[in-house]
Amino acid sequence: ILAGFSAYSRELDYGKFVEIAKEVGAYTVADMAHIAGLIAGGAAKNPFDAGFDVITTTTHKTLRGPRGGMILTRADKDIAKRI
C-alpha cells in the first residue's frame, strides 16, 4: 500500500494504512518527499513510528540538499534485500 501526497493540509493516518496492510498481507510504503523536512524536524508524523515498512524521499525538496533520492527500510533485512 503506497501512501503519500504533494499538497495536503492534514496528516495522513499512517496507523490506519498499517492496520489495513496487516489485514490483507501487504507491505506499506510512504512517499514523504514533500514533507521530509517536517518529519526530520519533528513537525510531522514519521511513518516508521506507525509501523511502515519502506519510506521513499528526495534530498532536494524540503531537506534542501543536492538532487537525489533515498529508499529507507525498517530493520527487516528481508525487505532491504528485495529492494
PDB file of N, CA and C in Angstrom:
ATOM      1  N   ILE A   1       0.862  -1.163   0.000  1.00  0.00           N
ATOM      2  CA  ILE A   1       0.000   0.000   0.000  1.00  0.00           C
ATOM      3  C   ILE A   1       0.907   1.222   0.000  1.00  0.00           C
ATOM      4  N   LEU A   2       0.728   2.088  -0.976  1.00  0.00           N
ATOM      5  CA  LEU A   2       1.544   3.296  -1.115  1.00  0.00           C
ATOM      6  C   LEU A   2       0.762   4.497  -0.600  1.00  0.00           C
ATOM      7  N   ALA A   3       1.372   5.242   0.320  1.00  0.00           N
ATOM      8  CA  ALA A   3       0.733   6.432   0.881  1.00  0.00           C
ATOM      9  C   ALA A   3       1.661   7.618   0.713  1.00  0.00           C
ATOM     10  N   GLY A   4       1.107   8.742   0.308  1.00  0.00           N
ATOM     11  CA  GLY A   4       1.899   9.952   0.158  1.00  0.00           C
ATOM     12  C   GLY A   4       1.087  11.022  -0.527  1.00  0.00           C
ATOM     13  N   PHE A   5       1.611  12.214  -0.536  1.00  0.00           N
ATOM     14  CA  PHE A   5       0.905  13.339  -1.147  1.00  0.00           C
ATOM     15  C   PHE A   5       1.888  14.462  -1.418  1.00  0.00           C
ATOM     16  N   SER A   6       1.492  15.402  -2.257  1.00  0.00           N
ATOM     17  CA  SER A   6       2.351  16.555  -2.527  1.00  0.00           C
ATOM     18  C   SER A   6       1.812  17.818  -1.879  1.00  0.00           C
ATOM     19  N   ALA A   7       0.513  17.958  -1.793  1.00  0.00           N
ATOM     20  CA  ALA A   7      -0.077  19.153  -1.186  1.00  0.00           C
ATOM     21  C   ALA A   7      -1.383  18.760  -0.510  1.00  0.00           C
ATOM     22  N   TYR A   8      -1.312  18.544   0.791  1.00  0.00           N
ATOM     23  CA  TYR A   8      -2.484  18.131   1.552  1.00  0.00           C
ATOM     24  C   TYR A   8      -2.374  18.792   2.909  1.00  0.00           C
ATOM     25  N   SER A   9      -3.425  19.427   3.367  1.00  0.00           N
ATOM     26  CA  SER A   9      -3.346  20.242   4.581  1.00  0.00           C
ATOM     27  C   SER A   9      -3.490  19.460   5.882  1.00  0.00           C
ATOM     28  N   ARG A  10      -3.629  18.156   5.805  1.00  0.00           N
ATOM     29  CA  ARG A  10      -3.778  17.338   7.009  1.00  0.00           C
ATOM     30  C   ARG A  10      -2.735  16.223   7.024  1.00  0.00           C
ATOM     31  N   GLU A  11      -2.557  15.633   8.206  1.00  0.00           N
ATOM     32  CA  GLU A  11      -1.643  14.497   8.326  1.00  0.00           C
ATOM     33  C   GLU A  11      -2.366  13.220   7.912  1.00  0.00           C
ATOM     34  N   LEU A  12      -1.649  12.314   7.276  1.00  0.00           N
ATOM     35  CA  LEU A  12      -2.218  11.009   6.957  1.00  0.00           C
ATOM     36  C   LEU A  12      -2.279  10.168   8.227  1.00  0.00           C
ATOM     37  N   ASP A  13      -3.256   9.299   8.308  1.00  0.00           N
ATOM     38  CA  ASP A  13      -3.364   8.368   9.432  1.00  0.00           C
ATOM     39  C   ASP A  13      -2.546   7.127   9.071  1.00  0.00           C
ATOM     40  N   TYR A  14      -1.238   7.212   9.293  1.00  0.00           N
ATOM     41  CA  TYR A  14      -0.341   6.124   8.911  1.00  0.00           C
ATOM     42  C   TYR A  14      -0.715   4.816   9.609  1.00  0.00           C
ATOM     43  N   GLY A  15      -1.175   4.917  10.849  1.00  0.00           N
ATOM     44  CA  GLY A  15      -1.572   3.722  11.591  1.00  0.00           C
ATOM     45  C   GLY A  15      -2.691   2.957  10.907  1.00  0.00           C
ATOM     46  N   LYS A  16      -3.627   3.667  10.306  1.00  0.00           N
ATOM     47  CA  LYS A  16      -4.738   3.021   9.599  1.00  0.00           C
ATOM     48  C   LYS A  16      -4.230   2.274   8.362  1.00  0.00           C
ATOM     49  N   PHE A  17      -3.270   2.871   7.652  1.00  0.00           N
ATOM     50  CA  PHE A  17      -2.678   2.184   6.499  1.00  0.00           C
ATOM     51  C   PHE A  17      -2.014   0.876   6.938  1.00  0.00           C
ATOM     52  N   VAL A  18      -1.286   0.916   8.056  1.00  0.00           N
ATOM     53  CA  VAL A  18      -0.610  -0.278   8.570  1.00  0.00           C
ATOM     54  C   VAL A  18      -1.637  -1.333   8.970  1.00  0.00           C
ATOM     55  N   GLU A  19      -2.701  -0.897   9.615  1.00  0.00           N
ATOM     56  CA  GLU A  19      -3.767  -1.820  10.023  1.00  0.00           C
ATOM     57  C   GLU A  19      -4.364  -2.543   8.814  1.00  0.00           C
ATOM     58  N   ILE A  20      -4.664  -1.801   7.775  1.00  0.00           N
ATOM     59  CA  ILE A  20      -5.228  -2.395   6.555  1.00  0.00           C
ATOM     60  C   ILE A  20      -4.223  -3.338   5.898  1.00  0.00           C
ATOM     61  N   ALA A  21      -2.961  -2.925   5.835  1.00  0.00           N
ATOM     62  CA  ALA A  21      -1.924  -3.759   5.219  1.00  0.00           C
ATOM     63  C   ALA A  21      -1.785  -5.094   5.942  1.00  0.00           C
ATOM     64  N   LYS A  22      -1.840  -5.077   7.263  1.00  0.00           N
ATOM     65  CA  LYS A  22      -1.740  -6.325   8.021  1.00  0.00           C
ATOM     66  C   LYS A  22      -2.929  -7.235   7.737  1.00  0.00           C
ATOM     67  N   GLU A  23      -4.106  -6.645   7.578  1.00  0.00           N
ATOM     68  CA  GLU A  23      -5.309  -7.440   7.291  1.00  0.00           C
ATOM     69  C   GLU A  23      -5.202  -8.178   5.963  1.00  0.00           C
ATOM     70  N   VAL A  24      -4.560  -7.559   4.979  1.00  0.00           N
ATOM     71  CA  VAL A  24      -4.505  -8.151   3.637  1.00  0.00           C
ATOM     72  C   VAL A  24      -3.132  -8.720   3.278  1.00  0.00           C
ATOM     73  N   GLY A  25      -2.176  -8.652   4.196  1.00  0.00           N
ATOM     74  CA  GLY A  25      -0.849  -9.205   3.934  1.00  0.00           C
ATOM     75  C   GLY A  25      -0.002  -8.377   2.988  1.00  0.00           C
ATOM     76  N   ALA A  26      -0.143  -7.062   3.053  1.00  0.00           N
ATOM     77  CA  ALA A  26       0.590  -6.161   2.152  1.00  0.00           C
ATOM     78  C   ALA A  26       1.701  -5.420   2.893  1.00  0.00           C
ATOM     79  N   TYR A  27       2.662  -4.935   2.146  1.00  0.00           N
ATOM     80  CA  TYR A  27       3.678  -4.038   2.687  1.00  0.00           C
ATOM     81  C   TYR A  27       3.157  -2.608   2.620  1.00  0.00           C
ATOM     82  N   THR A  28       3.735  -1.741   3.441  1.00  0.00           N
ATOM     83  CA  THR A  28       3.380  -0.320   3.406  1.00  0.00           C
ATOM     84  C   THR A  28       4.592   0.489   2.965  1.00  0.00           C
ATOM     85  N   VAL A  29       4.357   1.418   2.047  1.00  0.00           N
ATOM     86  CA  VAL A  29       5.395   2.303   1.522  1.00  0.00           C
ATOM     87  C   VAL A  29       4.882   3.734   1.621  1.00  0.00           C
ATOM     88  N   ALA A  30       5.682   4.620   2.199  1.00  0.00           N
ATOM     89  CA  ALA A  30       5.307   6.031   2.292  1.00  0.00           C
ATOM     90  C   ALA A  30       6.246   6.860   1.427  1.00  0.00           C
ATOM     91  N   ASP A  31       5.666   7.713   0.600  1.00  0.00           N
ATOM     92  CA  ASP A  31       6.443   8.688  -0.164  1.00  0.00           C
ATOM     93  C   ASP A  31       6.360   9.996   0.614  1.00  0.00           C
ATOM     94  N   MET A  32       7.466  10.390   1.226  1.00  0.00           N
ATOM     95  CA  MET A  32       7.454  11.592   2.058  1.00  0.00           C
ATOM     96  C   MET A  32       8.328  12.703   1.478  1.00  0.00           C
ATOM     97  N   ALA A  33       8.503  12.714   0.172  1.00  0.00           N
ATOM     98  CA  ALA A  33       9.387  13.687  -0.469  1.00  0.00           C
ATOM     99  C   ALA A  33       9.020  15.131  -0.144  1.00  0.00           C
ATOM    100  N   HIS A  34       7.729  15.426  -0.095  1.00  0.00           N
ATOM    101  CA  HIS A  34       7.317  16.809   0.124  1.00  0.00           C
ATOM    102  C   HIS A  34       7.255  17.202   1.592  1.00  0.00           C
ATOM    103  N   ILE A  35       7.359  16.233   2.512  1.00  0.00           N
ATOM    104  CA  ILE A  35       7.276  16.562   3.936  1.00  0.00           C
ATOM    105  C   ILE A  35       8.467  16.040   4.738  1.00  0.00           C
ATOM    106  N   ALA A  36       9.521  15.595   4.067  1.00  0.00           N
ATOM    107  CA  ALA A  36      10.678  15.009   4.754  1.00  0.00           C
ATOM    108  C   ALA A  36      11.297  15.974   5.758  1.00  0.00           C
ATOM    109  N   GLY A  37      11.407  17.234   5.401  1.00  0.00           N
ATOM    110  CA  GLY A  37      11.968  18.221   6.318  1.00  0.00           C
ATOM    111  C   GLY A  37      11.113  18.401   7.556  1.00  0.00           C
ATOM    112  N   LEU A  38       9.798  18.363   7.384  1.00  0.00           N
ATOM    113  CA  LEU A  38       8.884  18.478   8.524  1.00  0.00           C
ATOM    114  C   LEU A  38       8.994  17.264   9.439  1.00  0.00           C
ATOM    115  N   ILE A  39       9.152  16.080   8.846  1.00  0.00           N
ATOM    116  CA  ILE A  39       9.311  14.865   9.645  1.00  0.00           C
ATOM    117  C   ILE A  39      10.648  14.895  10.383  1.00  0.00           C
ATOM    118  N   ALA A  40      11.719  15.265   9.689  1.00  0.00           N
ATOM    119  CA  ALA A  40      13.042  15.338  10.318  1.00  0.00           C
ATOM    120  C   ALA A  40      13.054  16.339  11.468  1.00  0.00           C
ATOM    121  N   GLY A  41      12.305  17.421  11.327  1.00  0.00           N
ATOM    122  CA  GLY A  41      12.242  18.443  12.369  1.00  0.00           C
ATOM    123  C   GLY A  41      11.224  18.164  13.456  1.00  0.00           C
ATOM    124  N   GLY A  42      10.500  17.056  13.343  1.00  0.00           N
ATOM    125  CA  GLY A  42       9.528  16.685  14.361  1.00  0.00           C
ATOM    126  C   GLY A  42       8.185  17.390  14.242  1.00  0.00           C
ATOM    127  N   ALA A  43       7.957  18.102  13.144  1.00  0.00           N
ATOM    128  CA  ALA A  43       6.696  18.831  12.961  1.00  0.00           C
ATOM    129  C   ALA A  43       5.619  17.986  12.286  1.00  0.00           C
ATOM    130  N   ALA A  44       5.976  16.838  11.754  1.00  0.00           N
ATOM    131  CA  ALA A  44       5.015  15.929  11.122  1.00  0.00           C
ATOM    132  C   ALA A  44       5.313  14.508  11.596  1.00  0.00           C
ATOM    133  N   LYS A  45       4.320  13.650  11.509  1.00  0.00           N
ATOM    134  CA  LYS A  45       4.456  12.267  11.970  1.00  0.00           C
ATOM    135  C   LYS A  45       5.388  11.468  11.068  1.00  0.00           C
ATOM    136  N   ASN A  46       6.158  10.578  11.688  1.00  0.00           N
ATOM    137  CA  ASN A  46       7.078   9.702  10.975  1.00  0.00           C
ATOM    138  C   ASN A  46       6.359   8.385  10.664  1.00  0.00           C
ATOM    139  N   PRO A  47       6.253   7.998   9.397  1.00  0.00           N
ATOM    140  CA  PRO A  47       5.578   6.741   9.052  1.00  0.00           C
ATOM    141  C   PRO A  47       6.205   5.505   9.706  1.00  0.00           C
ATOM    142  N   PHE A  48       7.504   5.509   9.957  1.00  0.00           N
ATOM    143  CA  PHE A  48       8.138   4.373  10.625  1.00  0.00           C
ATOM    144  C   PHE A  48       7.584   4.187  12.036  1.00  0.00           C
ATOM    145  N   ASP A  49       7.258   5.273  12.715  1.00  0.00           N
ATOM    146  CA  ASP A  49       6.700   5.170  14.068  1.00  0.00           C
ATOM    147  C   ASP A  49       5.362   4.442  14.072  1.00  0.00           C
ATOM    148  N   ALA A  50       4.640   4.505  12.966  1.00  0.00           N
ATOM    149  CA  ALA A  50       3.348   3.822  12.843  1.00  0.00           C
ATOM    150  C   ALA A  50       3.510   2.381  12.372  1.00  0.00           C
ATOM    151  N   GLY A  51       4.728   2.001  11.969  1.00  0.00           N
ATOM    152  CA  GLY A  51       4.977   0.634  11.532  1.00  0.00           C
ATOM    153  C   GLY A  51       5.144   0.439  10.038  1.00  0.00           C
ATOM    154  N   PHE A  52       5.353   1.518   9.286  1.00  0.00           N
ATOM    155  CA  PHE A  52       5.550   1.386   7.833  1.00  0.00           C
ATOM    156  C   PHE A  52       6.806   0.573   7.541  1.00  0.00           C
ATOM    157  N   ASP A  53       6.806  -0.119   6.413  1.00  0.00           N
ATOM    158  CA  ASP A  53       7.925  -0.973   6.030  1.00  0.00           C
ATOM    159  C   ASP A  53       9.004  -0.228   5.258  1.00  0.00           C
ATOM    160  N   VAL A  54       8.597   0.659   4.346  1.00  0.00           N
ATOM    161  CA  VAL A  54       9.528   1.354   3.454  1.00  0.00           C
ATOM    162  C   VAL A  54       9.114   2.818   3.351  1.00  0.00           C
ATOM    163  N   ILE A  55      10.119   3.689   3.267  1.00  0.00           N
ATOM    164  CA  ILE A  55       9.871   5.113   3.033  1.00  0.00           C
ATOM    165  C   ILE A  55      10.764   5.557   1.886  1.00  0.00           C
ATOM    166  N   THR A  56      10.199   6.333   0.968  1.00  0.00           N
ATOM    167  CA  THR A  56      10.991   6.939  -0.102  1.00  0.00           C
ATOM    168  C   THR A  56      10.931   8.450   0.052  1.00  0.00           C
ATOM    169  N   THR A  57      12.007   9.115  -0.345  1.00  0.00           N
ATOM    170  CA  THR A  57      12.044  10.574  -0.266  1.00  0.00           C
ATOM    171  C   THR A  57      13.102  11.104  -1.218  1.00  0.00           C
ATOM    172  N   THR A  58      13.097  12.397  -1.376  1.00  0.00           N
ATOM    173  CA  THR A  58      14.136  13.073  -2.149  1.00  0.00           C
ATOM    174  C   THR A  58      15.018  13.854  -1.190  1.00  0.00           C
ATOM    175  N   THR A  59      16.176  14.240  -1.670  1.00  0.00           N
ATOM    176  CA  THR A  59      17.086  15.031  -0.838  1.00  0.00           C
ATOM    177  C   THR A  59      17.034  16.511  -1.169  1.00  0.00           C
ATOM    178  N   HIS A  60      16.347  16.884  -2.233  1.00  0.00           N
ATOM    179  CA  HIS A  60      16.424  18.266  -2.709  1.00  0.00           C
ATOM    180  C   HIS A  60      15.157  19.092  -2.488  1.00  0.00           C
ATOM    181  N   LYS A  61      14.114  18.521  -1.960  1.00  0.00           N
ATOM    182  CA  LYS A  61      12.892  19.309  -1.748  1.00  0.00           C
ATOM    183  C   LYS A  61      12.961  19.948  -0.367  1.00  0.00           C
ATOM    184  N   THR A  62      12.272  19.404   0.617  1.00  0.00           N
ATOM    185  CA  THR A  62      12.273  20.047   1.937  1.00  0.00           C
ATOM    186  C   THR A  62      13.532  19.757   2.749  1.00  0.00           C
ATOM    187  N   LEU A  63      14.354  18.805   2.337  1.00  0.00           N
ATOM    188  CA  LEU A  63      15.633  18.584   3.029  1.00  0.00           C
ATOM    189  C   LEU A  63      16.707  19.547   2.534  1.00  0.00           C
ATOM    190  N   ARG A  64      16.469  20.177   1.399  1.00  0.00           N
ATOM    191  CA  ARG A  64      17.316  21.232   0.839  1.00  0.00           C
ATOM    192  C   ARG A  64      18.745  20.791   0.537  1.00  0.00           C
ATOM    193  N   GLY A  65      18.902  19.579   0.094  1.00  0.00           N
ATOM    194  CA  GLY A  65      20.217  19.094  -0.300  1.00  0.00           C
ATOM    195  C   GLY A  65      20.340  19.038  -1.807  1.00  0.00           C
ATOM    196  N   PRO A  66      21.420  18.425  -2.299  1.00  0.00           N
ATOM    197  CA  PRO A  66      21.562  18.247  -3.746  1.00  0.00           C
ATOM    198  C   PRO A  66      20.508  17.267  -4.261  1.00  0.00           C
ATOM    199  N   ARG A  67      20.243  17.330  -5.544  1.00  0.00           N
ATOM    200  CA  ARG A  67      19.211  16.473  -6.142  1.00  0.00           C
ATOM    201  C   ARG A  67      19.596  15.004  -5.973  1.00  0.00           C
ATOM    202  N   GLY A  68      18.686  14.248  -5.391  1.00  0.00           N
ATOM    203  CA  GLY A  68      18.914  12.827  -5.171  1.00  0.00           C
ATOM    204  C   GLY A  68      17.703  12.195  -4.525  1.00  0.00           C
ATOM    205  N   GLY A  69      17.810  10.935  -4.193  1.00  0.00           N
ATOM    206  CA  GLY A  69      16.696  10.234  -3.572  1.00  0.00           C
ATOM    207  C   GLY A  69      17.186   9.191  -2.589  1.00  0.00           C
ATOM    208  N   MET A  70      16.273   8.739  -1.737  1.00  0.00           N
ATOM    209  CA  MET A  70      16.599   7.716  -0.744  1.00  0.00           C
ATOM    210  C   MET A  70      15.449   6.722  -0.648  1.00  0.00           C
ATOM    211  N   ILE A  71      15.803   5.468  -0.419  1.00  0.00           N
ATOM    212  CA  ILE A  71      14.833   4.432  -0.087  1.00  0.00           C
ATOM    213  C   ILE A  71      15.258   3.902   1.276  1.00  0.00           C
ATOM    214  N   LEU A  72      14.386   4.048   2.260  1.00  0.00           N
ATOM    215  CA  LEU A  72      14.685   3.647   3.634  1.00  0.00           C
ATOM    216  C   LEU A  72      13.802   2.470   4.016  1.00  0.00           C
ATOM    217  N   THR A  73      14.364   1.515   4.772  1.00  0.00           N
ATOM    218  CA  THR A  73      13.576   0.373   5.231  1.00  0.00           C
ATOM    219  C   THR A  73      13.727   0.222   6.734  1.00  0.00           C
ATOM    220  N   ARG A  74      12.814  -0.525   7.306  1.00  0.00           N
ATOM    221  CA  ARG A  74      12.922  -0.866   8.721  1.00  0.00           C
ATOM    222  C   ARG A  74      14.114  -1.814   8.881  1.00  0.00           C
ATOM    223  N   ALA A  75      14.339  -2.285  10.076  1.00  0.00           N
ATOM    224  CA  ALA A  75      15.460  -3.186  10.341  1.00  0.00           C
ATOM    225  C   ALA A  75      15.273  -4.562   9.693  1.00  0.00           C
ATOM    226  N   ASP A  76      14.122  -4.810   9.085  1.00  0.00           N
ATOM    227  CA  ASP A  76      13.831  -6.084   8.429  1.00  0.00           C
ATOM    228  C   ASP A  76      14.749  -6.257   7.217  1.00  0.00           C
ATOM    229  N   LYS A  77      15.739  -7.107   7.344  1.00  0.00           N
ATOM    230  CA  LYS A  77      16.720  -7.281   6.269  1.00  0.00           C
ATOM    231  C   LYS A  77      16.123  -7.940   5.037  1.00  0.00           C
ATOM    232  N   ASP A  78      15.033  -8.687   5.182  1.00  0.00           N
ATOM    233  CA  ASP A  78      14.389  -9.320   4.034  1.00  0.00           C
ATOM    234  C   ASP A  78      13.851  -8.265   3.071  1.00  0.00           C
ATOM    235  N   ILE A  79      13.233  -7.238   3.604  1.00  0.00           N
ATOM    236  CA  ILE A  79      12.713  -6.163   2.755  1.00  0.00           C
ATOM    237  C   ILE A  79      13.866  -5.431   2.073  1.00  0.00           C
ATOM    238  N   ALA A  80      14.912  -5.129   2.816  1.00  0.00           N
ATOM    239  CA  ALA A  80      16.063  -4.420   2.249  1.00  0.00           C
ATOM    240  C   ALA A  80      16.688  -5.223   1.105  1.00  0.00           C
ATOM    241  N   LYS A  81      16.797  -6.530   1.255  1.00  0.00           N
ATOM    242  CA  LYS A  81      17.359  -7.374   0.196  1.00  0.00           C
ATOM    243  C   LYS A  81      16.493  -7.351  -1.060  1.00  0.00           C
ATOM    244  N   ARG A  82      15.187  -7.338  -0.889  1.00  0.00           N
ATOM    245  CA  ARG A  82      14.275  -7.346  -2.036  1.00  0.00           C
ATOM    246  C   ARG A  82      14.371  -6.050  -2.833  1.00  0.00           C
ATOM    247  N   ILE A  83      14.653  -4.975  -2.156  1.00  0.00           N
ATOM    248  CA  ILE A  83      14.767  -3.681  -2.838  1.00  0.00           C
ATOM    249  C   ILE A  83      16.121  -3.584  -3.500  1.00  0.00           C
TER     250      ILE A  83
END
